[in-house]
Amino acid sequence: MSTSTKSASPPGVQDPPAPAPPRKLSARVSWRRALRRDWQLYSLAVLPLLFFLVFRYLPMLGNVIAFRRFEPGGSMFGEQWVGLRYVEMFLSDPTFWQVFRNTLWLGGLTLVFCFPVPIVLALLLNEVRRRALKRFVQSVSYLPHFLSIVIVAGITLQILATDGPVNHVLGLLGHDEIRFIQEPEWFRTIYVGSEIWQTTGWGTILYLAALTTIDEDLYEAARIDGAGRWRQTWHVTLPGIRPTMITLLILNVGTFMAVGFEKVLLLYNPLTYQTSDVISTYVYRTGVESNSFSYAAAIGLFEAVIGLILITSANQLSRRTVGTSLW
């Protein structure tokens, strides 16, 4: 008769719990189980991931020509190392610094005017009680977003032409015609105005969705405390949509340097280069039109580094000040 080698625990004493499996192993098993269970949902992410891999990450390998001399028809990654030669070239180029200042001006004006306008429109629409009027205003404000940039630029150029409706109205009022498209001092106003018209309506969608998540009991408590509509907006509505505001602000700061290339390219002309030429259009002219690909790659890499620093700094500042961040 065999006897067990394991000694029984004394009465009233519980056996020690079994050791838990390693955390990494359990996480790996749960991830595999979730993948087998919901593989149809995960398969939907294959095409977007391939898109970013092919059109976003693989092209980053081409940044190496910013430090190598590239010749058309030669190696894709340049012929020979030149170090920081192209970086020193554009840092000592006065044209680049003028373009850099124009980019800061347009990016700053776009951020200052285009970011708060959707918030204001969303707050105004939230106060509208007539559903028909609210839907009409939303439809009219959303419409420009669905127009291509080419159409928006064409409409802008036609309206502001010397024989366009704006100058026609100015003539009826006794003013001389203004060459909006040819005068450099008007370009920033034209660009920011067209950007507000095209993006404001679409930008209100996220804020209107965020407004629906605010608890109505908070408004009721504010009314009991004697708060009017303005104080309710300041102390209840704005704090309720603050996470959405901060997230969009960080994203806008990240694209601060990437001022709309297509719209600037369609609206500007050699007469307005003084205020309209930005880094993206300068890179296009330098690389594509002048075949200076290595020089253009160095400028583009410089712009990307600044954008990375801006979005990282904005994220850290937001996390420390308001406790909301992207990561």
C-alpha atoms as a PDB file:
ATOM      1  CA  MET A   1       0.000   0.000   0.000  1.00  0.00           C
ATOM      2  CA  SER A   2       1.548   3.267  -1.206  1.00  0.00           C
ATOM      3  CA  THR A   3       1.629   6.361   0.963  1.00  0.00           C
ATOM      4  CA  SER A   4       1.620   9.973  -0.250  1.00  0.00           C
ATOM      5  CA  THR A   5       4.823  11.902   0.279  1.00  0.00           C
ATOM      6  CA  LYS A   6       2.924  15.185   0.635  1.00  0.00           C
ATOM      7  CA  SER A   7       2.193  16.006   4.233  1.00  0.00           C
ATOM      8  CA  ALA A   8      -1.283  17.155   5.090  1.00  0.00           C
ATOM      9  CA  SER A   9      -1.749  20.664   6.423  1.00  0.00           C
ATOM     10  CA  PRO A  10      -2.659  21.006  10.098  1.00  0.00           C
ATOM     11  CA  PRO A  11      -6.349  21.489  10.817  1.00  0.00           C
ATOM     12  CA  GLY A  12      -7.493  25.094  10.415  1.00  0.00           C
ATOM     13  CA  VAL A  13      -4.533  26.049   8.259  1.00  0.00           C
ATOM     14  CA  GLN A  14      -5.190  26.749   4.564  1.00  0.00           C
ATOM     15  CA  ASP A  15      -2.857  25.632   1.824  1.00  0.00           C
ATOM     16  CA  PRO A  16      -0.768  28.446   0.287  1.00  0.00           C
ATOM     17  CA  PRO A  17      -2.232  29.767  -2.998  1.00  0.00           C
ATOM     18  CA  ALA A  18      -0.807  28.452  -6.236  1.00  0.00           C
ATOM     19  CA  PRO A  19       1.738  30.759  -7.851  1.00  0.00           C
ATOM     20  CA  ALA A  20       0.196  33.058 -10.488  1.00  0.00           C
ATOM     21  CA  PRO A  21       1.370  32.587 -14.081  1.00  0.00           C
ATOM     22  CA  PRO A  22       3.866  35.120 -15.357  1.00  0.00           C
ATOM     23  CA  ARG A  23       2.250  38.419 -16.393  1.00  0.00           C
ATOM     24  CA  LYS A  24       3.794  38.440 -19.858  1.00  0.00           C
ATOM     25  CA  LEU A  25       2.643  34.884 -20.563  1.00  0.00           C
ATOM     26  CA  SER A  26      -0.934  35.568 -19.415  1.00  0.00           C
ATOM     27  CA  ALA A  27      -1.100  38.780 -21.475  1.00  0.00           C
ATOM     28  CA  ARG A  28       0.158  36.924 -24.526  1.00  0.00           C
ATOM     29  CA  VAL A  29      -2.420  34.153 -24.091  1.00  0.00           C
ATOM     30  CA  SER A  30      -5.281  36.648 -23.618  1.00  0.00           C
ATOM     31  CA  TRP A  31      -4.176  38.585 -26.705  1.00  0.00           C
ATOM     32  CA  ARG A  32      -4.149  35.420 -28.808  1.00  0.00           C
ATOM     33  CA  ARG A  33      -7.545  34.413 -27.466  1.00  0.00           C
ATOM     34  CA  ALA A  34      -8.982  37.849 -28.327  1.00  0.00           C
ATOM     35  CA  LEU A  35      -7.459  37.645 -31.806  1.00  0.00           C
ATOM     36  CA  ARG A  36      -9.051  34.253 -32.473  1.00  0.00           C
ATOM     37  CA  ARG A  37     -12.396  35.435 -31.139  1.00  0.00           C
ATOM     38  CA  ASP A  38     -12.580  38.806 -32.952  1.00  0.00           C
ATOM     39  CA  TRP A  39     -10.406  38.199 -36.006  1.00  0.00           C
ATOM     40  CA  GLN A  40     -13.051  39.759 -38.276  1.00  0.00           C
ATOM     41  CA  LEU A  41     -12.765  43.092 -36.453  1.00  0.00           C
ATOM     42  CA  TYR A  42      -8.973  43.013 -36.422  1.00  0.00           C
ATOM     43  CA  SER A  43      -8.920  42.255 -40.150  1.00  0.00           C
ATOM     44  CA  LEU A  44     -10.533  45.661 -40.774  1.00  0.00           C
ATOM     45  CA  ALA A  45      -7.305  47.290 -39.571  1.00  0.00           C
ATOM     46  CA  VAL A  46      -5.140  45.529 -42.171  1.00  0.00           C
ATOM     47  CA  LEU A  47      -5.724  47.997 -45.022  1.00  0.00           C
ATOM     48  CA  PRO A  48      -5.230  51.149 -42.903  1.00  0.00           C
ATOM     49  CA  LEU A  49      -2.030  49.695 -41.464  1.00  0.00           C
ATOM     50  CA  LEU A  50      -0.781  48.857 -44.953  1.00  0.00           C
ATOM     51  CA  PHE A  51      -1.623  52.387 -46.090  1.00  0.00           C
ATOM     52  CA  PHE A  52       0.429  53.971 -43.299  1.00  0.00           C
ATOM     53  CA  LEU A  53       3.245  51.486 -43.834  1.00  0.00           C
ATOM     54  CA  VAL A  54       3.521  52.112 -47.587  1.00  0.00           C
ATOM     55  CA  PHE A  55       2.774  55.841 -47.744  1.00  0.00           C
ATOM     56  CA  ARG A  56       3.983  57.083 -44.349  1.00  0.00           C
ATOM     57  CA  TYR A  57       6.726  54.917 -42.882  1.00  0.00           C
ATOM     58  CA  LEU A  58       8.568  53.468 -45.884  1.00  0.00           C
ATOM     59  CA  PRO A  59       9.075  56.947 -47.440  1.00  0.00           C
ATOM     60  CA  MET A  60      10.952  57.928 -44.273  1.00  0.00           C
ATOM     61  CA  LEU A  61      13.876  55.895 -45.596  1.00  0.00           C
ATOM     62  CA  GLY A  62      14.283  58.544 -48.286  1.00  0.00           C
ATOM     63  CA  ASN A  63      15.281  61.115 -45.665  1.00  0.00           C
ATOM     64  CA  VAL A  64      18.783  59.710 -45.905  1.00  0.00           C
ATOM     65  CA  ILE A  65      19.363  61.768 -49.065  1.00  0.00           C
ATOM     66  CA  ALA A  66      19.342  64.862 -46.836  1.00  0.00           C
ATOM     67  CA  PHE A  67      22.861  63.733 -45.894  1.00  0.00           C
ATOM     68  CA  ARG A  68      23.867  62.217 -49.238  1.00  0.00           C
ATOM     69  CA  ARG A  69      24.270  63.702 -52.714  1.00  0.00           C
ATOM     70  CA  PHE A  70      21.385  62.510 -54.867  1.00  0.00           C
ATOM     71  CA  GLU A  71      21.551  62.522 -58.653  1.00  0.00           C
ATOM     72  CA  PRO A  72      18.538  61.725 -60.857  1.00  0.00           C
ATOM     73  CA  GLY A  73      18.993  58.311 -62.432  1.00  0.00           C
ATOM     74  CA  GLY A  74      21.434  57.176 -59.761  1.00  0.00           C
ATOM     75  CA  SER A  75      20.951  55.289 -56.524  1.00  0.00           C
ATOM     76  CA  MET A  76      17.688  55.822 -54.709  1.00  0.00           C
ATOM     77  CA  PHE A  77      19.574  56.576 -51.496  1.00  0.00           C
ATOM     78  CA  GLY A  78      22.155  58.927 -52.964  1.00  0.00           C
ATOM     79  CA  GLU A  79      25.659  58.569 -54.352  1.00  0.00           C
ATOM     80  CA  GLN A  80      27.956  59.672 -51.518  1.00  0.00           C
ATOM     81  CA  TRP A  81      27.820  61.070 -48.001  1.00  0.00           C
ATOM     82  CA  VAL A  82      28.064  64.843 -47.674  1.00  0.00           C
ATOM     83  CA  GLY A  83      27.235  65.166 -43.974  1.00  0.00           C
ATOM     84  CA  LEU A  84      25.439  68.358 -42.957  1.00  0.00           C
ATOM     85  CA  ARG A  85      26.290  70.228 -46.141  1.00  0.00           C
ATOM     86  CA  TYR A  86      22.670  70.751 -47.227  1.00  0.00           C
ATOM     87  CA  VAL A  87      21.616  71.693 -43.692  1.00  0.00           C
ATOM     88  CA  GLU A  88      24.283  74.389 -43.616  1.00  0.00           C
ATOM     89  CA  MET A  89      23.147  75.565 -47.052  1.00  0.00           C
ATOM     90  CA  PHE A  90      19.549  76.281 -46.126  1.00  0.00           C
ATOM     91  CA  LEU A  91      20.459  77.678 -42.695  1.00  0.00           C
ATOM     92  CA  SER A  92      22.633  80.279 -44.446  1.00  0.00           C
ATOM     93  CA  ASP A  93      20.056  80.976 -47.171  1.00  0.00           C
ATOM     94  CA  PRO A  94      18.109  84.236 -46.553  1.00  0.00           C
ATOM     95  CA  THR A  95      15.292  83.003 -48.793  1.00  0.00           C
ATOM     96  CA  PHE A  96      14.718  80.060 -46.476  1.00  0.00           C
ATOM     97  CA  TRP A  97      14.376  82.309 -43.433  1.00  0.00           C
ATOM     98  CA  GLN A  98      11.829  84.465 -45.232  1.00  0.00           C
ATOM     99  CA  VAL A  99       9.887  81.315 -46.076  1.00  0.00           C
ATOM    100  CA  PHE A 100      10.249  80.169 -42.464  1.00  0.00           C
ATOM    101  CA  ARG A 101       8.784  83.456 -41.183  1.00  0.00           C
ATOM    102  CA  ASN A 102       5.890  83.195 -43.632  1.00  0.00           C
ATOM    103  CA  THR A 103       5.180  79.665 -42.384  1.00  0.00           C
ATOM    104  CA  LEU A 104       5.133  80.855 -38.772  1.00  0.00           C
ATOM    105  CA  TRP A 105       2.814  83.726 -39.651  1.00  0.00           C
ATOM    106  CA  LEU A 106       0.317  81.600 -41.578  1.00  0.00           C
ATOM    107  CA  GLY A 107       0.456  78.759 -39.063  1.00  0.00           C
ATOM    108  CA  GLY A 108      -0.015  81.113 -36.125  1.00  0.00           C
ATOM    109  CA  LEU A 109      -2.900  83.015 -37.727  1.00  0.00           C
ATOM    110  CA  THR A 110      -4.594  79.759 -38.724  1.00  0.00           C
ATOM    111  CA  LEU A 111      -4.277  78.411 -35.183  1.00  0.00           C
ATOM    112  CA  VAL A 112      -5.476  81.626 -33.526  1.00  0.00           C
ATOM    113  CA  PHE A 113      -8.535  82.140 -35.751  1.00  0.00           C
ATOM    114  CA  CYS A 114      -9.484  78.676 -37.035  1.00  0.00           C
ATOM    115  CA  PHE A 115      -9.254  76.814 -33.732  1.00  0.00           C
ATOM    116  CA  PRO A 116     -11.721  78.811 -31.543  1.00  0.00           C
ATOM    117  CA  VAL A 117     -14.323  79.531 -34.258  1.00  0.00           C
ATOM    118  CA  PRO A 118     -15.714  75.936 -34.339  1.00  0.00           C
ATOM    119  CA  ILE A 119     -16.016  76.028 -30.542  1.00  0.00           C
ATOM    120  CA  VAL A 120     -18.004  79.264 -30.659  1.00  0.00           C
ATOM    121  CA  LEU A 121     -20.258  77.944 -33.442  1.00  0.00           C
ATOM    122  CA  ALA A 122     -20.885  74.704 -31.542  1.00  0.00           C
ATOM    123  CA  LEU A 123     -21.828  76.642 -28.397  1.00  0.00           C
ATOM    124  CA  LEU A 124     -24.198  78.859 -30.389  1.00  0.00           C
ATOM    125  CA  LEU A 125     -25.820  75.883 -32.104  1.00  0.00           C
ATOM    126  CA  ASN A 126     -26.218  74.193 -28.739  1.00  0.00           C
ATOM    127  CA  GLU A 127     -28.371  77.133 -27.605  1.00  0.00           C
ATOM    128  CA  VAL A 128     -30.678  76.970 -30.636  1.00  0.00           C
ATOM    129  CA  ARG A 129     -33.996  75.365 -29.678  1.00  0.00           C
ATOM    130  CA  ARG A 130     -35.644  75.347 -33.117  1.00  0.00           C
ATOM    131  CA  ARG A 131     -34.523  72.072 -34.653  1.00  0.00           C
ATOM    132  CA  ALA A 132     -35.202  73.149 -38.248  1.00  0.00           C
ATOM    133  CA  LEU A 133     -33.061  76.266 -37.906  1.00  0.00           C
ATOM    134  CA  LYS A 134     -30.290  74.283 -36.231  1.00  0.00           C
ATOM    135  CA  ARG A 135     -30.218  71.706 -39.031  1.00  0.00           C
ATOM    136  CA  PHE A 136     -30.204  74.431 -41.686  1.00  0.00           C
ATOM    137  CA  VAL A 137     -27.242  76.233 -40.110  1.00  0.00           C
ATOM    138  CA  GLN A 138     -25.371  72.949 -39.718  1.00  0.00           C
ATOM    139  CA  SER A 139     -25.952  71.965 -43.349  1.00  0.00           C
ATOM    140  CA  VAL A 140     -24.835  75.354 -44.668  1.00  0.00           C
ATOM    141  CA  SER A 141     -21.708  75.387 -42.502  1.00  0.00           C
ATOM    142  CA  TYR A 142     -20.778  71.756 -43.315  1.00  0.00           C
ATOM    143  CA  LEU A 143     -21.071  72.178 -47.091  1.00  0.00           C
ATOM    144  CA  PRO A 144     -17.669  73.833 -47.801  1.00  0.00           C
ATOM    145  CA  HIS A 145     -15.853  70.889 -46.233  1.00  0.00           C
ATOM    146  CA  PHE A 146     -17.081  68.588 -49.001  1.00  0.00           C
ATOM    147  CA  LEU A 147     -15.715  70.859 -51.720  1.00  0.00           C
ATOM    148  CA  SER A 148     -12.254  70.049 -53.001  1.00  0.00           C
ATOM    149  CA  ILE A 149      -9.442  72.498 -52.321  1.00  0.00           C
ATOM    150  CA  VAL A 150      -9.248  73.205 -56.057  1.00  0.00           C
ATOM    151  CA  ILE A 151     -12.881  74.335 -56.075  1.00  0.00           C
ATOM    152  CA  VAL A 152     -12.444  76.408 -52.914  1.00  0.00           C
ATOM    153  CA  ALA A 153      -9.369  78.111 -54.364  1.00  0.00           C
ATOM    154  CA  GLY A 154     -11.182  78.708 -57.671  1.00  0.00           C
ATOM    155  CA  ILE A 155     -14.162  80.287 -55.924  1.00  0.00           C
ATOM    156  CA  THR A 156     -11.828  82.479 -53.863  1.00  0.00           C
ATOM    157  CA  LEU A 157      -9.919  83.646 -56.918  1.00  0.00           C
ATOM    158  CA  GLN A 158     -13.093  84.400 -58.870  1.00  0.00           C
ATOM    159  CA  ILE A 159     -14.711  86.328 -56.023  1.00  0.00           C
ATOM    160  CA  LEU A 160     -11.599  88.433 -55.376  1.00  0.00           C
ATOM    161  CA  ALA A 161     -10.615  89.018 -59.019  1.00  0.00           C
ATOM    162  CA  THR A 162     -10.320  92.583 -60.275  1.00  0.00           C
ATOM    163  CA  ASP A 163     -13.614  92.122 -62.150  1.00  0.00           C
ATOM    164  CA  GLY A 164     -15.151  89.934 -59.437  1.00  0.00           C
ATOM    165  CA  PRO A 165     -18.177  90.641 -57.244  1.00  0.00           C
ATOM    166  CA  VAL A 166     -16.156  92.082 -54.329  1.00  0.00           C
ATOM    167  CA  ASN A 167     -14.541  94.753 -56.493  1.00  0.00           C
ATOM    168  CA  HIS A 168     -17.874  95.335 -58.196  1.00  0.00           C
ATOM    169  CA  VAL A 169     -19.465  96.146 -54.831  1.00  0.00           C
ATOM    170  CA  LEU A 170     -16.496  98.365 -53.930  1.00  0.00           C
ATOM    171  CA  GLY A 171     -17.009 100.242 -57.221  1.00  0.00           C
ATOM    172  CA  LEU A 172     -20.672 100.794 -56.415  1.00  0.00           C
ATOM    173  CA  LEU A 173     -19.626 102.241 -53.056  1.00  0.00           C
ATOM    174  CA  GLY A 174     -17.218 104.643 -54.753  1.00  0.00           C
ATOM    175  CA  HIS A 175     -13.967 102.861 -53.876  1.00  0.00           C
ATOM    176  CA  ASP A 176     -11.176 102.002 -56.232  1.00  0.00           C
ATOM    177  CA  GLU A 177     -10.714  98.352 -57.148  1.00  0.00           C
ATOM    178  CA  ILE A 178      -8.273  96.342 -55.066  1.00  0.00           C
ATOM    179  CA  ARG A 179      -5.982  93.728 -56.585  1.00  0.00           C
ATOM    180  CA  PHE A 180      -6.432  91.176 -53.829  1.00  0.00           C
ATOM    181  CA  ILE A 181      -4.660  88.356 -55.665  1.00  0.00           C
ATOM    182  CA  GLN A 182      -1.633  90.404 -56.762  1.00  0.00           C
ATOM    183  CA  GLU A 183      -0.911  92.340 -53.570  1.00  0.00           C
ATOM    184  CA  PRO A 184       1.207  90.466 -50.963  1.00  0.00           C
ATOM    185  CA  GLU A 185      -0.348  92.165 -47.935  1.00  0.00           C
ATOM    186  CA  TRP A 186      -3.754  90.602 -48.707  1.00  0.00           C
ATOM    187  CA  PHE A 187      -2.628  86.992 -49.007  1.00  0.00           C
ATOM    188  CA  ARG A 188      -2.683  86.085 -45.310  1.00  0.00           C
ATOM    189  CA  THR A 189      -6.181  87.518 -44.887  1.00  0.00           C
ATOM    190  CA  ILE A 190      -7.397  85.630 -47.953  1.00  0.00           C
ATOM    191  CA  TYR A 191      -5.850  82.340 -46.843  1.00  0.00           C
ATOM    192  CA  VAL A 192      -7.102  82.468 -43.250  1.00  0.00           C
ATOM    193  CA  GLY A 193     -10.567  83.635 -44.341  1.00  0.00           C
ATOM    194  CA  SER A 194     -10.951  80.790 -46.836  1.00  0.00           C
ATOM    195  CA  GLU A 195      -9.664  78.326 -44.225  1.00  0.00           C
ATOM    196  CA  ILE A 196     -12.264  79.487 -41.692  1.00  0.00           C
ATOM    197  CA  TRP A 197     -15.041  79.215 -44.287  1.00  0.00           C
ATOM    198  CA  GLN A 198     -14.012  75.702 -45.310  1.00  0.00           C
ATOM    199  CA  THR A 199     -13.230  74.090 -41.932  1.00  0.00           C
ATOM    200  CA  THR A 200     -15.439  75.752 -39.318  1.00  0.00           C
ATOM    201  CA  GLY A 201     -18.617  73.764 -39.957  1.00  0.00           C
ATOM    202  CA  TRP A 202     -16.901  70.408 -40.037  1.00  0.00           C
ATOM    203  CA  GLY A 203     -14.939  71.217 -36.890  1.00  0.00           C
ATOM    204  CA  THR A 204     -18.138  71.750 -34.910  1.00  0.00           C
ATOM    205  CA  ILE A 205     -19.135  68.079 -35.279  1.00  0.00           C
ATOM    206  CA  LEU A 206     -16.728  66.853 -32.596  1.00  0.00           C
ATOM    207  CA  TYR A 207     -17.697  69.627 -30.209  1.00  0.00           C
ATOM    208  CA  LEU A 208     -21.428  69.029 -30.699  1.00  0.00           C
ATOM    209  CA  ALA A 209     -20.840  65.342 -30.002  1.00  0.00           C
ATOM    210  CA  ALA A 210     -18.884  66.238 -26.863  1.00  0.00           C
ATOM    211  CA  LEU A 211     -21.707  68.523 -25.708  1.00  0.00           C
ATOM    212  CA  THR A 212     -24.146  65.602 -25.724  1.00  0.00           C
ATOM    213  CA  THR A 213     -22.042  63.790 -23.106  1.00  0.00           C
ATOM    214  CA  ILE A 214     -22.453  66.525 -20.470  1.00  0.00           C
ATOM    215  CA  ASP A 215     -24.803  65.498 -17.671  1.00  0.00           C
ATOM    216  CA  GLU A 216     -27.998  67.571 -17.601  1.00  0.00           C
ATOM    217  CA  ASP A 217     -27.996  67.400 -13.802  1.00  0.00           C
ATOM    218  CA  LEU A 218     -25.001  69.738 -13.808  1.00  0.00           C
ATOM    219  CA  TYR A 219     -27.033  72.394 -15.631  1.00  0.00           C
ATOM    220  CA  GLU A 220     -29.922  71.856 -13.232  1.00  0.00           C
ATOM    221  CA  ALA A 221     -27.630  72.292 -10.238  1.00  0.00           C
ATOM    222  CA  ALA A 222     -26.159  75.450 -11.775  1.00  0.00           C
ATOM    223  CA  ARG A 223     -29.642  76.899 -12.345  1.00  0.00           C
ATOM    224  CA  ILE A 224     -30.585  76.151  -8.729  1.00  0.00           C
ATOM    225  CA  ASP A 225     -27.482  78.034  -7.623  1.00  0.00           C
ATOM    226  CA  GLY A 226     -28.639  81.026  -9.659  1.00  0.00           C
ATOM    227  CA  ALA A 227     -26.267  80.709 -12.616  1.00  0.00           C
ATOM    228  CA  GLY A 228     -27.401  82.266 -15.875  1.00  0.00           C
ATOM    229  CA  ARG A 229     -26.695  80.980 -19.369  1.00  0.00           C
ATOM    230  CA  TRP A 230     -23.277  82.623 -19.538  1.00  0.00           C
ATOM    231  CA  ARG A 231     -22.143  81.188 -16.194  1.00  0.00           C
ATOM    232  CA  GLN A 232     -23.515  77.761 -17.159  1.00  0.00           C
ATOM    233  CA  THR A 233     -21.482  77.899 -20.346  1.00  0.00           C
ATOM    234  CA  TRP A 234     -18.337  79.006 -18.524  1.00  0.00           C
ATOM    235  CA  HIS A 235     -18.535  76.630 -15.539  1.00  0.00           C
ATOM    236  CA  VAL A 236     -20.336  73.584 -17.021  1.00  0.00           C
ATOM    237  CA  THR A 237     -20.174  73.498 -20.830  1.00  0.00           C
ATOM    238  CA  LEU A 238     -16.558  74.504 -21.396  1.00  0.00           C
ATOM    239  CA  PRO A 239     -15.149  72.171 -18.692  1.00  0.00           C
ATOM    240  CA  GLY A 240     -17.265  69.374 -20.177  1.00  0.00           C
ATOM    241  CA  ILE A 241     -15.716  69.689 -23.632  1.00  0.00           C
ATOM    242  CA  ARG A 242     -12.217  70.548 -22.379  1.00  0.00           C
ATOM    243  CA  PRO A 243     -10.706  67.090 -23.173  1.00  0.00           C
ATOM    244  CA  THR A 244     -11.890  67.387 -26.777  1.00  0.00           C
ATOM    245  CA  MET A 245     -10.564  70.935 -27.022  1.00  0.00           C
ATOM    246  CA  ILE A 246      -7.149  69.952 -25.679  1.00  0.00           C
ATOM    247  CA  THR A 247      -6.863  66.940 -27.981  1.00  0.00           C
ATOM    248  CA  LEU A 248      -7.671  68.978 -31.080  1.00  0.00           C
ATOM    249  CA  LEU A 249      -5.371  71.788 -29.938  1.00  0.00           C
ATOM    250  CA  ILE A 250      -2.454  69.353 -29.626  1.00  0.00           C
ATOM    251  CA  LEU A 251      -3.159  67.978 -33.108  1.00  0.00           C
ATOM    252  CA  ASN A 252      -3.340  71.506 -34.540  1.00  0.00           C
ATOM    253  CA  VAL A 253      -0.066  72.445 -32.883  1.00  0.00           C
ATOM    254  CA  GLY A 254       1.521  69.325 -34.373  1.00  0.00           C
ATOM    255  CA  THR A 255       0.555  70.468 -37.864  1.00  0.00           C
ATOM    256  CA  PHE A 256       1.553  74.074 -37.132  1.00  0.00           C
ATOM    257  CA  MET A 257       4.433  74.011 -39.624  1.00  0.00           C
ATOM    258  CA  ALA A 258       2.573  72.006 -42.265  1.00  0.00           C
ATOM    259  CA  VAL A 259       0.519  74.921 -43.554  1.00  0.00           C
ATOM    260  CA  GLY A 260      -1.903  73.790 -46.260  1.00  0.00           C
ATOM    261  CA  PHE A 261       0.360  73.101 -49.226  1.00  0.00           C
ATOM    262  CA  GLU A 262      -2.369  72.607 -51.811  1.00  0.00           C
ATOM    263  CA  LYS A 263      -4.302  75.770 -51.010  1.00  0.00           C
ATOM    264  CA  VAL A 264      -1.195  77.952 -50.849  1.00  0.00           C
ATOM    265  CA  LEU A 265       0.030  76.497 -54.140  1.00  0.00           C
ATOM    266  CA  LEU A 266      -3.306  77.285 -55.792  1.00  0.00           C
ATOM    267  CA  LEU A 267      -3.678  80.790 -54.359  1.00  0.00           C
ATOM    268  CA  TYR A 268      -0.196  82.253 -54.532  1.00  0.00           C
ATOM    269  CA  ASN A 269       1.775  83.631 -57.460  1.00  0.00           C
ATOM    270  CA  PRO A 270       5.262  85.162 -57.923  1.00  0.00           C
ATOM    271  CA  LEU A 271       3.916  88.599 -57.001  1.00  0.00           C
ATOM    272  CA  THR A 272       2.915  87.384 -53.531  1.00  0.00           C
ATOM    273  CA  TYR A 273       5.936  85.206 -52.687  1.00  0.00           C
ATOM    274  CA  GLN A 274       6.950  87.826 -50.146  1.00  0.00           C
ATOM    275  CA  THR A 275       4.147  86.768 -47.778  1.00  0.00           C
ATOM    276  CA  SER A 276       2.716  83.566 -49.299  1.00  0.00           C
ATOM    277  CA  ASP A 277       5.698  81.305 -49.918  1.00  0.00           C
ATOM    278  CA  VAL A 278       5.876  78.685 -47.128  1.00  0.00           C
ATOM    279  CA  ILE A 279       8.234  75.794 -46.439  1.00  0.00           C
ATOM    280  CA  SER A 280       6.110  73.177 -48.219  1.00  0.00           C
ATOM    281  CA  THR A 281       5.822  75.213 -51.437  1.00  0.00           C
ATOM    282  CA  TYR A 282       9.499  76.150 -51.256  1.00  0.00           C
ATOM    283  CA  VAL A 283      10.417  72.468 -50.922  1.00  0.00           C
ATOM    284  CA  TYR A 284       8.181  71.681 -53.907  1.00  0.00           C
ATOM    285  CA  ARG A 285       9.812  74.301 -56.119  1.00  0.00           C
ATOM    286  CA  THR A 286      13.308  73.404 -54.963  1.00  0.00           C
ATOM    287  CA  GLY A 287      12.943  69.647 -55.261  1.00  0.00           C
ATOM    288  CA  VAL A 288      10.496  69.010 -58.092  1.00  0.00           C
ATOM    289  CA  GLU A 289      11.023  72.040 -60.311  1.00  0.00           C
ATOM    290  CA  SER A 290      14.752  72.595 -59.722  1.00  0.00           C
ATOM    291  CA  ASN A 291      15.727  68.909 -59.190  1.00  0.00           C
ATOM    292  CA  SER A 292      17.590  69.729 -55.948  1.00  0.00           C
ATOM    293  CA  PHE A 293      16.187  66.704 -54.150  1.00  0.00           C
ATOM    294  CA  SER A 294      18.819  66.448 -51.419  1.00  0.00           C
ATOM    295  CA  TYR A 295      18.479  70.134 -50.539  1.00  0.00           C
ATOM    296  CA  ALA A 296      14.682  69.831 -50.463  1.00  0.00           C
ATOM    297  CA  ALA A 297      14.902  66.667 -48.326  1.00  0.00           C
ATOM    298  CA  ALA A 298      17.060  68.491 -45.779  1.00  0.00           C
ATOM    299  CA  ILE A 299      14.501  71.314 -45.499  1.00  0.00           C
ATOM    300  CA  GLY A 300      11.619  68.850 -45.238  1.00  0.00           C
ATOM    301  CA  LEU A 301      13.414  66.919 -42.501  1.00  0.00           C
ATOM    302  CA  PHE A 302      14.017  70.168 -40.614  1.00  0.00           C
ATOM    303  CA  GLU A 303      10.291  70.957 -40.826  1.00  0.00           C
ATOM    304  CA  ALA A 304       9.363  67.469 -39.586  1.00  0.00           C
ATOM    305  CA  VAL A 305      11.704  67.730 -36.603  1.00  0.00           C
ATOM    306  CA  ILE A 306      10.155  71.067 -35.591  1.00  0.00           C
ATOM    307  CA  GLY A 307       6.665  69.564 -35.897  1.00  0.00           C
ATOM    308  CA  LEU A 308       7.668  66.618 -33.702  1.00  0.00           C
ATOM    309  CA  ILE A 309       9.094  68.965 -31.067  1.00  0.00           C
ATOM    310  CA  LEU A 310       5.941  71.098 -31.108  1.00  0.00           C
ATOM    311  CA  ILE A 311       3.466  68.234 -30.705  1.00  0.00           C
ATOM    312  CA  THR A 312       5.571  66.586 -27.989  1.00  0.00           C
ATOM    313  CA  SER A 313       5.931  69.840 -26.070  1.00  0.00           C
ATOM    314  CA  ALA A 314       2.214  70.618 -26.381  1.00  0.00           C
ATOM    315  CA  ASN A 315       1.340  67.131 -25.144  1.00  0.00           C
ATOM    316  CA  GLN A 316       3.624  67.396 -22.113  1.00  0.00           C
ATOM    317  CA  LEU A 317       2.400  70.917 -21.287  1.00  0.00           C
ATOM    318  CA  SER A 318      -1.223  69.790 -21.522  1.00  0.00           C
ATOM    319  CA  ARG A 319      -0.581  66.788 -19.283  1.00  0.00           C
ATOM    320  CA  ARG A 320       1.050  68.913 -16.572  1.00  0.00           C
ATOM    321  CA  THR A 321      -1.403  71.825 -16.653  1.00  0.00           C
ATOM    322  CA  VAL A 322      -4.862  70.302 -17.283  1.00  0.00           C
ATOM    323  CA  GLY A 323      -4.207  66.561 -16.934  1.00  0.00           C
ATOM    324  CA  THR A 324      -5.310  65.713 -20.492  1.00  0.00           C
ATOM    325  CA  SER A 325      -2.977  64.478 -23.224  1.00  0.00           C
ATOM    326  CA  LEU A 326      -2.815  62.244 -26.280  1.00  0.00           C
ATOM    327  CA  TRP A 327      -0.358  59.800 -24.722  1.00  0.00           C
END
